[in-house]
C-alpha atoms as a PDB file:
ATOM      1  CA  MET A   1      -0.004  -0.004  -0.005  1.00  0.00           C
ATOM      2  CA  ALA A   2       1.539   3.316  -1.087  1.00  0.00           C
ATOM      3  CA  LEU A   3       2.272   5.834   1.678  1.00  0.00           C
ATOM      4  CA  ASP A   4       0.529   9.175   2.005  1.00  0.00           C
ATOM      5  CA  LYS A   5       2.448  12.430   2.438  1.00  0.00           C
ATOM      6  CA  ASN A   6       2.374  12.264   6.200  1.00  0.00           C
ATOM      7  CA  GLN A   7       3.761   8.749   6.205  1.00  0.00           C
ATOM      8  CA  ILE A   8       6.579   9.854   3.878  1.00  0.00           C
ATOM      9  CA  ALA A   9       7.382  12.593   6.382  1.00  0.00           C
ATOM     10  CA  LYS A  10       7.265  10.094   9.238  1.00  0.00           C
ATOM     11  CA  ARG A  11       9.817   7.880   7.494  1.00  0.00           C
ATOM     12  CA  ILE A  12      12.128  10.823   6.776  1.00  0.00           C
ATOM     13  CA  ALA A  13      11.892  11.945  10.415  1.00  0.00           C
ATOM     14  CA  LYS A  14      13.807   8.782  11.294  1.00  0.00           C
ATOM     15  CA  GLU A  15      16.806  10.248   9.412  1.00  0.00           C
ATOM     16  CA  VAL A  16      16.973  13.242  11.741  1.00  0.00           C
ATOM     17  CA  LYS A  17      19.613  12.809  14.435  1.00  0.00           C
ATOM     18  CA  ASP A  18      20.154  14.394  17.844  1.00  0.00           C
ATOM     19  CA  GLY A  19      21.815  17.819  17.579  1.00  0.00           C
ATOM     20  CA  TYR A  20      21.024  18.342  13.880  1.00  0.00           C
ATOM     21  CA  PHE A  21      20.260  21.700  12.316  1.00  0.00           C
ATOM     22  CA  VAL A  22      17.710  20.853   9.582  1.00  0.00           C
ATOM     23  CA  ASN A  23      16.321  22.930   6.744  1.00  0.00           C
ATOM     24  CA  LEU A  24      12.819  21.933   5.580  1.00  0.00           C
ATOM     25  CA  GLY A  25      11.753  22.758   2.044  1.00  0.00           C
ATOM     26  CA  ILE A  26       8.268  23.501   0.807  1.00  0.00           C
ATOM     27  CA  GLY A  27       5.683  20.711   0.536  1.00  0.00           C
ATOM     28  CA  ILE A  28       6.050  17.280   2.145  1.00  0.00           C
ATOM     29  CA  PRO A  29       9.301  18.312   3.949  1.00  0.00           C
ATOM     30  CA  THR A  30       7.437  20.798   6.156  1.00  0.00           C
ATOM     31  CA  LEU A  31       5.544  17.859   7.681  1.00  0.00           C
ATOM     32  CA  VAL A  32       8.721  16.273   9.014  1.00  0.00           C
ATOM     33  CA  ALA A  33       8.772  18.603  12.063  1.00  0.00           C
ATOM     34  CA  ASN A  34       5.542  16.929  13.257  1.00  0.00           C
ATOM     35  CA  TYR A  35       7.160  13.517  13.556  1.00  0.00           C
ATOM     36  CA  VAL A  36      10.660  13.935  14.986  1.00  0.00           C
ATOM     37  CA  ARG A  37      11.296  11.985  18.171  1.00  0.00           C
ATOM     38  CA  HIS A  38      10.666  13.941  21.361  1.00  0.00           C
ATOM     39  CA  ASP A  39      13.804  12.630  23.095  1.00  0.00           C
ATOM     40  CA  ILE A  40      16.244  14.361  20.728  1.00  0.00           C
ATOM     41  CA  ALA A  41      17.193  18.026  20.287  1.00  0.00           C
ATOM     42  CA  VAL A  42      16.756  19.271  16.717  1.00  0.00           C
ATOM     43  CA  GLU A  43      16.716  22.825  15.362  1.00  0.00           C
ATOM     44  CA  PHE A  44      14.590  23.367  12.248  1.00  0.00           C
ATOM     45  CA  GLN A  45      15.630  26.271  10.032  1.00  0.00           C
ATOM     46  CA  SER A  46      13.644  28.074   7.349  1.00  0.00           C
ATOM     47  CA  GLU A  47      15.375  30.312   4.840  1.00  0.00           C
ATOM     48  CA  ASN A  48      12.961  33.194   5.376  1.00  0.00           C
ATOM     49  CA  GLY A  49      14.707  33.679   8.727  1.00  0.00           C
ATOM     50  CA  VAL A  50      13.537  31.285  11.446  1.00  0.00           C
ATOM     51  CA  LEU A  51      15.555  28.922  13.609  1.00  0.00           C
ATOM     52  CA  GLY A  52      13.629  26.757  16.066  1.00  0.00           C
ATOM     53  CA  MET A  53      10.478  25.864  14.154  1.00  0.00           C
ATOM     54  CA  GLY A  54       8.044  23.499  15.816  1.00  0.00           C
ATOM     55  CA  PRO A  55       5.087  21.500  14.469  1.00  0.00           C
ATOM     56  CA  PHE A  56       2.227  23.073  12.555  1.00  0.00           C
ATOM     57  CA  PRO A  57      -0.278  24.903  14.811  1.00  0.00           C
ATOM     58  CA  PHE A  58      -3.656  23.462  15.619  1.00  0.00           C
ATOM     59  CA  GLU A  59      -6.597  25.021  13.822  1.00  0.00           C
ATOM     60  CA  GLY A  60      -7.574  28.254  15.524  1.00  0.00           C
ATOM     61  CA  GLU A  61      -4.130  28.724  17.069  1.00  0.00           C
ATOM     62  CA  GLU A  62      -2.362  30.070  13.981  1.00  0.00           C
ATOM     63  CA  ASP A  63      -0.363  33.290  14.120  1.00  0.00           C
ATOM     64  CA  ALA A  64      -0.242  34.888  10.654  1.00  0.00           C
ATOM     65  CA  ASP A  65       3.039  36.649  11.513  1.00  0.00           C
ATOM     66  CA  ILE A  66       4.918  33.404  12.133  1.00  0.00           C
ATOM     67  CA  ILE A  67       5.413  31.547   8.812  1.00  0.00           C
ATOM     68  CA  ASN A  68       7.881  29.313   7.043  1.00  0.00           C
ATOM     69  CA  ALA A  69       9.399  29.809   3.586  1.00  0.00           C
ATOM     70  CA  GLY A  70       6.228  28.377   1.990  1.00  0.00           C
ATOM     71  CA  LYS A  71       4.108  31.052   3.722  1.00  0.00           C
ATOM     72  CA  GLN A  72       2.479  28.389   5.952  1.00  0.00           C
ATOM     73  CA  THR A  73       1.806  29.323   9.560  1.00  0.00           C
ATOM     74  CA  ILE A  74       4.115  27.507  11.990  1.00  0.00           C
ATOM     75  CA  THR A  75       4.852  27.289  15.691  1.00  0.00           C
ATOM     76  CA  THR A  76       8.190  28.002  17.324  1.00  0.00           C
ATOM     77  CA  LEU A  77       9.941  26.231  20.188  1.00  0.00           C
ATOM     78  CA  ASP A  78      11.409  27.828  23.294  1.00  0.00           C
ATOM     79  CA  GLY A  79      14.577  29.662  22.355  1.00  0.00           C
ATOM     80  CA  ALA A  80      13.618  30.165  18.700  1.00  0.00           C
ATOM     81  CA  SER A  81      15.133  33.113  16.892  1.00  0.00           C
ATOM     82  CA  PHE A  82      14.157  35.286  13.947  1.00  0.00           C
ATOM     83  CA  PHE A  83      16.544  37.061  11.540  1.00  0.00           C
ATOM     84  CA  ASP A  84      16.671  38.478   8.056  1.00  0.00           C
ATOM     85  CA  SER A  85      17.044  36.371   4.932  1.00  0.00           C
ATOM     86  CA  ALA A  86      20.616  37.572   4.346  1.00  0.00           C
ATOM     87  CA  PHE A  87      21.691  36.102   7.704  1.00  0.00           C
ATOM     88  CA  SER A  88      19.676  32.986   6.966  1.00  0.00           C
ATOM     89  CA  PHE A  89      21.399  32.395   3.650  1.00  0.00           C
ATOM     90  CA  GLY A  90      24.756  33.139   5.230  1.00  0.00           C
ATOM     91  CA  MET A  91      23.996  30.274   7.603  1.00  0.00           C
ATOM     92  CA  ILE A  92      23.146  28.012   4.686  1.00  0.00           C
ATOM     93  CA  ARG A  93      26.133  28.986   2.528  1.00  0.00           C
ATOM     94  CA  ALA A  94      28.486  28.518   5.473  1.00  0.00           C
ATOM     95  CA  GLN A  95      27.269  24.881   5.710  1.00  0.00           C
ATOM     96  CA  LYS A  96      25.833  25.265   9.197  1.00  0.00           C
ATOM     97  CA  VAL A  97      22.884  23.068   8.222  1.00  0.00           C
ATOM     98  CA  ASP A  98      23.412  19.330   8.856  1.00  0.00           C
ATOM     99  CA  LEU A  99      20.475  18.031   6.806  1.00  0.00           C
ATOM    100  CA  THR A 100      18.383  19.522   4.054  1.00  0.00           C
ATOM    101  CA  ILE A 101      15.036  17.971   3.143  1.00  0.00           C
ATOM    102  CA  LEU A 102      13.566  19.090  -0.179  1.00  0.00           C
ATOM    103  CA  GLY A 103      10.702  18.288  -2.476  1.00  0.00           C
ATOM    104  CA  ALA A 104      11.410  17.561  -6.140  1.00  0.00           C
ATOM    105  CA  MET A 105       9.835  17.201  -9.525  1.00  0.00           C
ATOM    106  CA  GLU A 106      12.557  14.837 -10.764  1.00  0.00           C
ATOM    107  CA  VAL A 107      15.680  13.132  -9.411  1.00  0.00           C
ATOM    108  CA  SER A 108      18.273  11.385 -11.572  1.00  0.00           C
ATOM    109  CA  GLU A 109      20.341   8.323 -10.827  1.00  0.00           C
ATOM    110  CA  ASN A 110      23.491  10.445 -10.360  1.00  0.00           C
ATOM    111  CA  GLY A 111      21.828  12.680  -7.792  1.00  0.00           C
ATOM    112  CA  ASP A 112      20.725  15.595  -9.964  1.00  0.00           C
ATOM    113  CA  ILE A 113      17.575  17.368  -8.760  1.00  0.00           C
ATOM    114  CA  ALA A 114      14.998  19.414 -10.650  1.00  0.00           C
ATOM    115  CA  ASN A 115      12.533  21.162  -8.340  1.00  0.00           C
ATOM    116  CA  TRP A 116      12.035  24.768  -9.397  1.00  0.00           C
ATOM    117  CA  LYS A 117      10.615  25.070 -12.906  1.00  0.00           C
ATOM    118  CA  ILE A 118       8.269  23.334 -15.321  1.00  0.00           C
ATOM    119  CA  PRO A 119       8.456  25.098 -18.703  1.00  0.00           C
ATOM    120  CA  GLY A 120       5.121  26.560 -19.705  1.00  0.00           C
ATOM    121  CA  LYS A 121       3.574  26.209 -16.239  1.00  0.00           C
ATOM    122  CA  MET A 122       3.220  28.545 -13.332  1.00  0.00           C
ATOM    123  CA  VAL A 123       5.534  27.562 -10.505  1.00  0.00           C
ATOM    124  CA  LYS A 124       6.248  29.633  -7.384  1.00  0.00           C
ATOM    125  CA  GLY A 125       9.905  30.058  -8.248  1.00  0.00           C
ATOM    126  CA  MET A 126      13.220  28.607  -7.100  1.00  0.00           C
ATOM    127  CA  GLY A 127      13.119  30.139  -3.606  1.00  0.00           C
ATOM    128  CA  GLY A 128      16.261  29.111  -1.721  1.00  0.00           C
ATOM    129  CA  ALA A 129      16.608  25.751  -3.356  1.00  0.00           C
ATOM    130  CA  MET A 130      19.657  26.560  -5.461  1.00  0.00           C
ATOM    131  CA  ASP A 131      21.589  27.878  -2.425  1.00  0.00           C
ATOM    132  CA  LEU A 132      20.540  24.888  -0.404  1.00  0.00           C
ATOM    133  CA  VAL A 133      21.630  22.264  -2.952  1.00  0.00           C
ATOM    134  CA  ALA A 134      24.909  24.100  -3.623  1.00  0.00           C
ATOM    135  CA  SER A 135      25.824  24.240   0.050  1.00  0.00           C
ATOM    136  CA  ALA A 136      24.354  21.201   1.718  1.00  0.00           C
ATOM    137  CA  GLU A 137      26.273  17.922   2.012  1.00  0.00           C
ATOM    138  CA  ASN A 138      23.322  15.818   3.161  1.00  0.00           C
ATOM    139  CA  ILE A 139      20.210  16.151   1.062  1.00  0.00           C
ATOM    140  CA  ILE A 140      17.134  13.906   1.302  1.00  0.00           C
ATOM    141  CA  VAL A 141      14.339  14.350  -1.226  1.00  0.00           C
ATOM    142  CA  ALA A 142      10.697  13.794  -0.242  1.00  0.00           C
ATOM    143  CA  MET A 143       8.573  13.287  -3.336  1.00  0.00           C
ATOM    144  CA  MET A 144       5.905  11.226  -5.067  1.00  0.00           C
ATOM    145  CA  HIS A 145       7.344   8.393  -7.176  1.00  0.00           C
ATOM    146  CA  VAL A 146       5.268   9.275 -10.210  1.00  0.00           C
ATOM    147  CA  ASN A 147       3.654  12.437 -11.571  1.00  0.00           C
ATOM    148  CA  LYS A 148      -0.080  13.036 -12.105  1.00  0.00           C
ATOM    149  CA  ALA A 149       0.152  11.363 -15.516  1.00  0.00           C
ATOM    150  CA  GLY A 150       1.601   8.240 -13.918  1.00  0.00           C
ATOM    151  CA  GLU A 151       5.100   8.925 -15.310  1.00  0.00           C
ATOM    152  CA  SER A 152       8.174   8.119 -13.231  1.00  0.00           C
ATOM    153  CA  LYS A 153       9.944  11.010 -11.484  1.00  0.00           C
ATOM    154  CA  ILE A 154      12.883   8.695 -10.603  1.00  0.00           C
ATOM    155  CA  LEU A 155      14.919   8.980 -13.815  1.00  0.00           C
ATOM    156  CA  LYS A 156      18.113   8.076 -15.544  1.00  0.00           C
ATOM    157  CA  ARG A 157      18.422  11.720 -16.514  1.00  0.00           C
ATOM    158  CA  CYS A 158      16.307  14.708 -15.488  1.00  0.00           C
ATOM    159  CA  THR A 159      14.252  16.297 -18.266  1.00  0.00           C
ATOM    160  CA  LEU A 160      13.412  19.554 -16.424  1.00  0.00           C
ATOM    161  CA  PRO A 161      15.826  22.421 -15.718  1.00  0.00           C
ATOM    162  CA  LEU A 162      18.220  21.411 -12.985  1.00  0.00           C
ATOM    163  CA  THR A 163      18.376  22.921  -9.551  1.00  0.00           C
ATOM    164  CA  GLY A 164      21.554  21.071  -8.537  1.00  0.00           C
ATOM    165  CA  VAL A 165      23.961  18.509  -9.921  1.00  0.00           C
ATOM    166  CA  GLY A 166      25.029  15.296  -8.144  1.00  0.00           C
ATOM    167  CA  CYS A 167      23.822  16.524  -4.736  1.00  0.00           C
ATOM    168  CA  VAL A 168      21.022  14.227  -3.571  1.00  0.00           C
ATOM    169  CA  LYS A 169      21.921  11.409  -1.188  1.00  0.00           C
ATOM    170  CA  LYS A 170      18.584   9.690  -0.567  1.00  0.00           C
ATOM    171  CA  VAL A 171      14.994   9.770  -1.855  1.00  0.00           C
ATOM    172  CA  VAL A 172      11.850   8.779   0.014  1.00  0.00           C
ATOM    173  CA  THR A 173       8.678   8.303  -1.986  1.00  0.00           C
ATOM    174  CA  GLU A 174       5.249   6.731  -1.365  1.00  0.00           C
ATOM    175  CA  LEU A 175       6.697   3.501  -2.700  1.00  0.00           C
ATOM    176  CA  ALA A 176      10.312   3.257  -1.630  1.00  0.00           C
ATOM    177  CA  VAL A 177      13.450   4.488   0.071  1.00  0.00           C
ATOM    178  CA  LEU A 178      16.250   4.873  -2.451  1.00  0.00           C
ATOM    179  CA  GLU A 179      19.901   5.666  -1.877  1.00  0.00           C
ATOM    180  CA  ILE A 180      21.959   7.270  -4.645  1.00  0.00           C
ATOM    181  CA  THR A 181      25.260   5.443  -5.054  1.00  0.00           C
ATOM    182  CA  PRO A 182      28.060   5.754  -7.628  1.00  0.00           C
ATOM    183  CA  LYS A 183      26.269   3.006  -9.526  1.00  0.00           C
ATOM    184  CA  GLY A 184      22.836   4.558  -9.368  1.00  0.00           C
ATOM    185  CA  PHE A 185      19.647   4.138  -7.298  1.00  0.00           C
ATOM    186  CA  GLN A 186      19.881   1.393  -4.705  1.00  0.00           C
ATOM    187  CA  LEU A 187      16.530   0.158  -3.309  1.00  0.00           C
ATOM    188  CA  LEU A 188      16.768   0.139   0.478  1.00  0.00           C
ATOM    189  CA  GLU A 189      13.181  -0.223   1.632  1.00  0.00           C
ATOM    190  CA  ARG A 190       9.737  -0.667   0.167  1.00  0.00           C
ATOM    191  CA  ALA A 191       6.426   0.691   1.443  1.00  0.00           C
ATOM    192  CA  PRO A 192       4.278  -1.843   3.351  1.00  0.00           C
ATOM    193  CA  GLY A 193       2.391  -4.076   0.906  1.00  0.00           C
ATOM    194  CA  VAL A 194       4.334  -2.752  -2.102  1.00  0.00           C
ATOM    195  CA  SER A 195       6.361  -5.328  -3.991  1.00  0.00           C
ATOM    196  CA  VAL A 196       9.780  -4.876  -5.587  1.00  0.00           C
ATOM    197  CA  ASP A 197       8.144  -5.489  -8.939  1.00  0.00           C
ATOM    198  CA  ASP A 198       5.677  -2.610  -8.258  1.00  0.00           C
ATOM    199  CA  ILE A 199       8.620  -0.272  -7.636  1.00  0.00           C
ATOM    200  CA  ILE A 200      10.509  -1.426 -10.709  1.00  0.00           C
ATOM    201  CA  ALA A 201       7.395  -0.836 -12.836  1.00  0.00           C
ATOM    202  CA  ALA A 202       7.027   2.719 -11.501  1.00  0.00           C
ATOM    203  CA  THR A 203      10.726   3.625 -11.995  1.00  0.00           C
ATOM    204  CA  GLU A 204      12.308   4.772 -15.236  1.00  0.00           C
ATOM    205  CA  ALA A 205      15.824   4.497 -13.866  1.00  0.00           C
ATOM    206  CA  ASP A 206      17.507   1.164 -13.253  1.00  0.00           C
ATOM    207  CA  LEU A 207      17.488  -0.045  -9.642  1.00  0.00           C
ATOM    208  CA  ILE A 208      20.211  -1.819  -7.704  1.00  0.00           C
ATOM    209  CA  ILE A 209      18.447  -4.599  -5.755  1.00  0.00           C
ATOM    210  CA  GLU A 210      20.483  -6.696  -3.341  1.00  0.00           C
ATOM    211  CA  GLY A 211      18.989  -9.406  -1.229  1.00  0.00           C
ATOM    212  CA  THR A 212      15.586  -9.204   0.420  1.00  0.00           C
ATOM    213  CA  ILE A 213      14.228  -5.668   0.510  1.00  0.00           C
ATOM    214  CA  PRO A 214      12.619  -4.903   3.914  1.00  0.00           C
ATOM    215  CA  GLU A 215       9.400  -2.960   4.431  1.00  0.00           C
ATOM    216  CA  MET A 216       9.673   0.589   5.751  1.00  0.00           C
ATOM    217  CA  GLN A 217       9.132   0.986   9.482  1.00  0.00           C
ATOM    218  CA  ILE A 218       6.799   3.973   9.747  1.00  0.00           C
ATOM    219  CA  ASP A 219       5.639   3.886  13.424  1.00  0.00           C
END
C-alpha cells in the first residue's frame, strides 16, 4: 500500500539525528517537524529567517506573523530566533545546516535534482533551493514516485531544468526508500504491501536490488 504524504514525512523523520540543524523545504518536507522523536534536540531552520520551528499549529491557534518559507503558519519552540534572509542564507552557505530535506519534480540516478521550474507552467519560483543544494552535504528528497500522468519522477536523466547536480543522497517516496550510489539508485526499503516489482514498474531508472528488501518501518 503506497504511503501518504504524512507517512513519507514520518519515514524521513527517522533520518533526523540528535543535535542536527535541519532545513525543511516547501511541501512534504514541512511535515517532518511533526514527527521527529521527542527525546532528541533538533533545530529546524527556514530560509525566510527562522531557527527553532516547531510542528504546525492546531486550527484556531495560527499566528499569521509566524510563517515558514512556503508562507504556511508555523509554531516556534522555546529559544527560537528570527533574523533576516541575508543572515539565513549566510548560515546556509556557510554549511551550518546538517540536513536539508527538499521536495522535487525529478531526481536522476546520479543525484541531480529538478525542483524549481516546469516550462510553460506557473511555479512559485526557485526560492532558496539553489543555495541549499549548492551548500548542503546531506540532502534527502521527499517526493511522489510518479507524476499526475503516472510517469516516473525517478529517472536516468532529469528532463526539467536542474536545480543542482550530483547533490541528492537519498529519496523517500510513497513506494520506496532509495539511496543514490556511484552505480545509481539502490533500493533500500519498500512501502508496506508494495512489492519490488511494483517499484521497478514505477521507476524509469535502473535499480540496484541486493537481497531481500525490507518494508519501511513507519511507526
